[in-house]
C-alpha atoms as a PDB file:
ATOM      1  CA  MET A   1       0.000   0.000   0.000  1.00  0.00           C
ATOM      2  CA  VAL A   2       1.413   3.404  -0.979  1.00  0.00           C
ATOM      3  CA  THR A   3       0.385   6.217   1.310  1.00  0.00           C
ATOM      4  CA  GLU A   4       1.521   9.783   0.991  1.00  0.00           C
ATOM      5  CA  GLY A   5       0.858  13.121   2.601  1.00  0.00           C
ATOM      6  CA  ILE A   6       2.447  16.344   3.746  1.00  0.00           C
ATOM      7  CA  VAL A   7       2.177  17.542   7.345  1.00  0.00           C
ATOM      8  CA  LEU A   8       3.842  20.815   8.342  1.00  0.00           C
ATOM      9  CA  GLY A   9       6.405  20.475   5.592  1.00  0.00           C
ATOM     10  CA  HIS A  10       7.095  16.804   6.336  1.00  0.00           C
ATOM     11  CA  GLN A  11       6.587  14.447   3.379  1.00  0.00           C
ATOM     12  CA  ILE A  12       5.210  11.077   4.464  1.00  0.00           C
ATOM     13  CA  SER A  13       5.421   8.231   1.985  1.00  0.00           C
ATOM     14  CA  ASN A  14       5.682   4.479   2.450  1.00  0.00           C
ATOM     15  CA  ASN A  15       6.118   4.873   6.228  1.00  0.00           C
ATOM     16  CA  GLU A  16       9.125   7.189   5.805  1.00  0.00           C
ATOM     17  CA  ILE A  17       9.187  10.784   6.999  1.00  0.00           C
ATOM     18  CA  GLU A  18      11.167  13.328   5.014  1.00  0.00           C
ATOM     19  CA  VAL A  19      11.289  17.090   5.517  1.00  0.00           C
ATOM     20  CA  ASP A  20      10.042  19.352   2.715  1.00  0.00           C
ATOM     21  CA  GLN A  21      12.732  21.950   3.337  1.00  0.00           C
ATOM     22  CA  ALA A  22      11.043  24.716   1.322  1.00  0.00           C
ATOM     23  CA  LYS A  23       7.948  24.675   3.558  1.00  0.00           C
ATOM     24  CA  VAL A  24       9.987  24.469   6.717  1.00  0.00           C
ATOM     25  CA  GLU A  25      12.102  27.455   5.618  1.00  0.00           C
ATOM     26  CA  VAL A  26       8.983  29.572   5.037  1.00  0.00           C
ATOM     27  CA  THR A  27       7.889  28.949   8.631  1.00  0.00           C
ATOM     28  CA  GLU A  28      11.407  29.478   9.991  1.00  0.00           C
ATOM     29  CA  ARG A  29      11.702  32.862   8.229  1.00  0.00           C
ATOM     30  CA  LEU A  30       8.329  34.043   9.479  1.00  0.00           C
ATOM     31  CA  PRO A  31       8.872  37.430  11.189  1.00  0.00           C
ATOM     32  CA  PRO A  32       7.424  38.112  14.633  1.00  0.00           C
ATOM     33  CA  PRO A  33       3.870  39.477  14.554  1.00  0.00           C
ATOM     34  CA  THR A  34       3.564  43.247  14.862  1.00  0.00           C
ATOM     35  CA  ASN A  35      -0.192  43.718  15.083  1.00  0.00           C
ATOM     36  CA  VAL A  36      -3.306  41.965  16.357  1.00  0.00           C
ATOM     37  CA  ASN A  37      -4.179  40.453  12.951  1.00  0.00           C
ATOM     38  CA  ALA A  38      -0.700  38.929  12.591  1.00  0.00           C
ATOM     39  CA  ILE A  39      -0.911  37.488  16.118  1.00  0.00           C
ATOM     40  CA  ARG A  40      -4.355  36.000  15.417  1.00  0.00           C
ATOM     41  CA  SER A  41      -3.140  34.535  12.134  1.00  0.00           C
ATOM     42  CA  PHE A  42      -0.074  32.927  13.686  1.00  0.00           C
ATOM     43  CA  LEU A  43      -1.971  31.578  16.700  1.00  0.00           C
ATOM     44  CA  GLY A  44      -4.678  30.252  14.402  1.00  0.00           C
ATOM     45  CA  HIS A  45      -2.115  28.343  12.352  1.00  0.00           C
ATOM     46  CA  ALA A  46      -0.152  27.116  15.362  1.00  0.00           C
ATOM     47  CA  GLY A  47      -3.330  26.374  17.317  1.00  0.00           C
ATOM     48  CA  PHE A  48      -4.478  23.990  14.620  1.00  0.00           C
ATOM     49  CA  TYR A  49      -1.571  21.746  15.669  1.00  0.00           C
ATOM     50  CA  LYS A  50      -1.813  22.397  19.415  1.00  0.00           C
ATOM     51  CA  ARG A  51      -2.649  18.824  20.255  1.00  0.00           C
ATOM     52  CA  PHE A  52       0.760  17.842  18.860  1.00  0.00           C
ATOM     53  CA  ILE A  53       2.649  20.489  20.858  1.00  0.00           C
ATOM     54  CA  LYS A  54       3.225  19.712  24.528  1.00  0.00           C
ATOM     55  CA  ASP A  55       2.215  22.623  26.806  1.00  0.00           C
ATOM     56  CA  PHE A  56       0.899  24.629  23.857  1.00  0.00           C
ATOM     57  CA  SER A  57      -1.346  26.803  26.037  1.00  0.00           C
ATOM     58  CA  LYS A  58       1.465  27.655  28.456  1.00  0.00           C
ATOM     59  CA  ILE A  59       3.807  28.571  25.605  1.00  0.00           C
ATOM     60  CA  ALA A  60       1.210  30.644  23.706  1.00  0.00           C
ATOM     61  CA  LYS A  61      -0.160  32.509  26.758  1.00  0.00           C
ATOM     62  CA  PRO A  62       1.926  35.710  26.306  1.00  0.00           C
ATOM     63  CA  LEU A  63       0.710  36.002  22.701  1.00  0.00           C
ATOM     64  CA  CYS A  64      -2.893  35.197  23.648  1.00  0.00           C
ATOM     65  CA  ASN A  65      -2.799  37.918  26.320  1.00  0.00           C
ATOM     66  CA  LEU A  66      -2.151  40.486  23.582  1.00  0.00           C
ATOM     67  CA  LEU A  67      -5.544  39.644  22.055  1.00  0.00           C
ATOM     68  CA  ALA A  68      -7.478  40.488  25.227  1.00  0.00           C
ATOM     69  CA  ASN A  69      -9.556  43.666  25.309  1.00  0.00           C
ATOM     70  CA  ASN A  70      -7.936  46.604  27.081  1.00  0.00           C
ATOM     71  CA  PHE A  71      -4.520  44.909  26.978  1.00  0.00           C
ATOM     72  CA  PRO A  72      -1.744  47.048  25.473  1.00  0.00           C
ATOM     73  CA  LEU A  73      -0.104  45.674  22.331  1.00  0.00           C
ATOM     74  CA  VAL A  74       3.458  45.503  23.634  1.00  0.00           C
ATOM     75  CA  ILE A  75       5.469  42.691  22.098  1.00  0.00           C
ATOM     76  CA  ASP A  76       8.099  42.097  24.751  1.00  0.00           C
ATOM     77  CA  GLN A  77      10.790  39.434  25.198  1.00  0.00           C
ATOM     78  CA  GLU A  78       8.286  36.987  26.676  1.00  0.00           C
ATOM     79  CA  CYS A  79       6.068  37.295  23.572  1.00  0.00           C
ATOM     80  CA  LEU A  80       9.035  36.930  21.214  1.00  0.00           C
ATOM     81  CA  TYR A  81      10.189  33.845  23.123  1.00  0.00           C
ATOM     82  CA  ALA A  82       6.688  32.320  22.838  1.00  0.00           C
ATOM     83  CA  PHE A  83       6.593  33.066  19.107  1.00  0.00           C
ATOM     84  CA  GLU A  84      10.042  31.575  18.439  1.00  0.00           C
ATOM     85  CA  THR A  85       9.319  28.518  20.603  1.00  0.00           C
ATOM     86  CA  LEU A  86       6.071  27.755  18.779  1.00  0.00           C
ATOM     87  CA  LYS A  87       7.744  28.291  15.418  1.00  0.00           C
ATOM     88  CA  ALA A  88      10.508  25.840  16.344  1.00  0.00           C
ATOM     89  CA  LYS A  89       7.992  23.237  17.500  1.00  0.00           C
ATOM     90  CA  LEU A  90       6.041  23.556  14.245  1.00  0.00           C
ATOM     91  CA  VAL A  91       9.037  22.691  12.069  1.00  0.00           C
ATOM     92  CA  THR A  92      10.667  19.905  14.058  1.00  0.00           C
ATOM     93  CA  THR A  93      10.064  16.278  13.167  1.00  0.00           C
ATOM     94  CA  PRO A  94       8.881  15.081  16.620  1.00  0.00           C
ATOM     95  CA  ILE A  95       5.567  16.819  15.998  1.00  0.00           C
ATOM     96  CA  ILE A  96       4.538  13.848  13.835  1.00  0.00           C
ATOM     97  CA  SER A  97       5.100  10.124  13.767  1.00  0.00           C
ATOM     98  CA  ALA A  98       4.393   7.372  11.290  1.00  0.00           C
ATOM     99  CA  PRO A  99       0.738   6.311  11.564  1.00  0.00           C
ATOM    100  CA  ASN A 100      -0.585   2.985  12.752  1.00  0.00           C
ATOM    101  CA  TRP A 101      -2.498   1.846   9.670  1.00  0.00           C
ATOM    102  CA  HIS A 102      -4.722  -0.408  11.802  1.00  0.00           C
ATOM    103  CA  LEU A 103      -6.259   2.537  13.705  1.00  0.00           C
ATOM    104  CA  PRO A 104      -8.968   4.835  12.294  1.00  0.00           C
ATOM    105  CA  PHE A 105      -7.975   8.194  10.810  1.00  0.00           C
ATOM    106  CA  GLU A 106      -9.450  11.609  11.506  1.00  0.00           C
ATOM    107  CA  GLN A 107      -9.512  14.515   9.067  1.00  0.00           C
ATOM    108  CA  MET A 108      -9.058  17.933  10.690  1.00  0.00           C
ATOM    109  CA  CYS A 109      -9.742  21.118   8.703  1.00  0.00           C
ATOM    110  CA  ASP A 110      -9.225  24.804   9.389  1.00  0.00           C
ATOM    111  CA  ALA A 111      -9.706  27.959   7.358  1.00  0.00           C
ATOM    112  CA  SER A 112      -9.014  31.663   7.645  1.00  0.00           C
ATOM    113  CA  ASN A 113      -9.253  34.661   5.352  1.00  0.00           C
ATOM    114  CA  GLN A 114      -5.808  33.757   3.988  1.00  0.00           C
ATOM    115  CA  ALA A 115      -5.522  29.979   3.857  1.00  0.00           C
ATOM    116  CA  ILE A 116      -7.127  26.565   4.224  1.00  0.00           C
ATOM    117  CA  GLY A 117      -5.405  23.706   6.036  1.00  0.00           C
ATOM    118  CA  VAL A 118      -6.164  20.002   6.291  1.00  0.00           C
ATOM    119  CA  VAL A 119      -4.451  17.313   8.336  1.00  0.00           C
ATOM    120  CA  LEU A 120      -5.084  13.593   8.308  1.00  0.00           C
ATOM    121  CA  GLY A 121      -4.222  12.168  11.702  1.00  0.00           C
ATOM    122  CA  SER A 122      -4.677   9.150  13.919  1.00  0.00           C
ATOM    123  CA  GLU A 123      -3.760   8.022  17.389  1.00  0.00           C
ATOM    124  CA  THR A 124      -0.302   6.508  17.771  1.00  0.00           C
END
């Protein structure tokens, strides 16, 4: 059985995981957000994969705080650290593992004004 797919820049085919370097580089070069829309966009993308990122909520909290009403938009070192940490976790291989073909799969979809994303996942 030949199975293929791309998850966060990782090419999966025949139970092998290879990195699609072009997609990883785009995420790695992503500049820090400078306004509320950029923060929402990044957190929306990263949040789609939150179940694969250990302590996602703790890491993202400084960025999420910036979205609260009456909270000043000051991107400090704590926010930059959260952004860089999430970016690093999105492009590293441990975020995914080869699937168990005997377990059921789940399709997860997300959309924004700028993009549509789909992931096929299963329990490991």
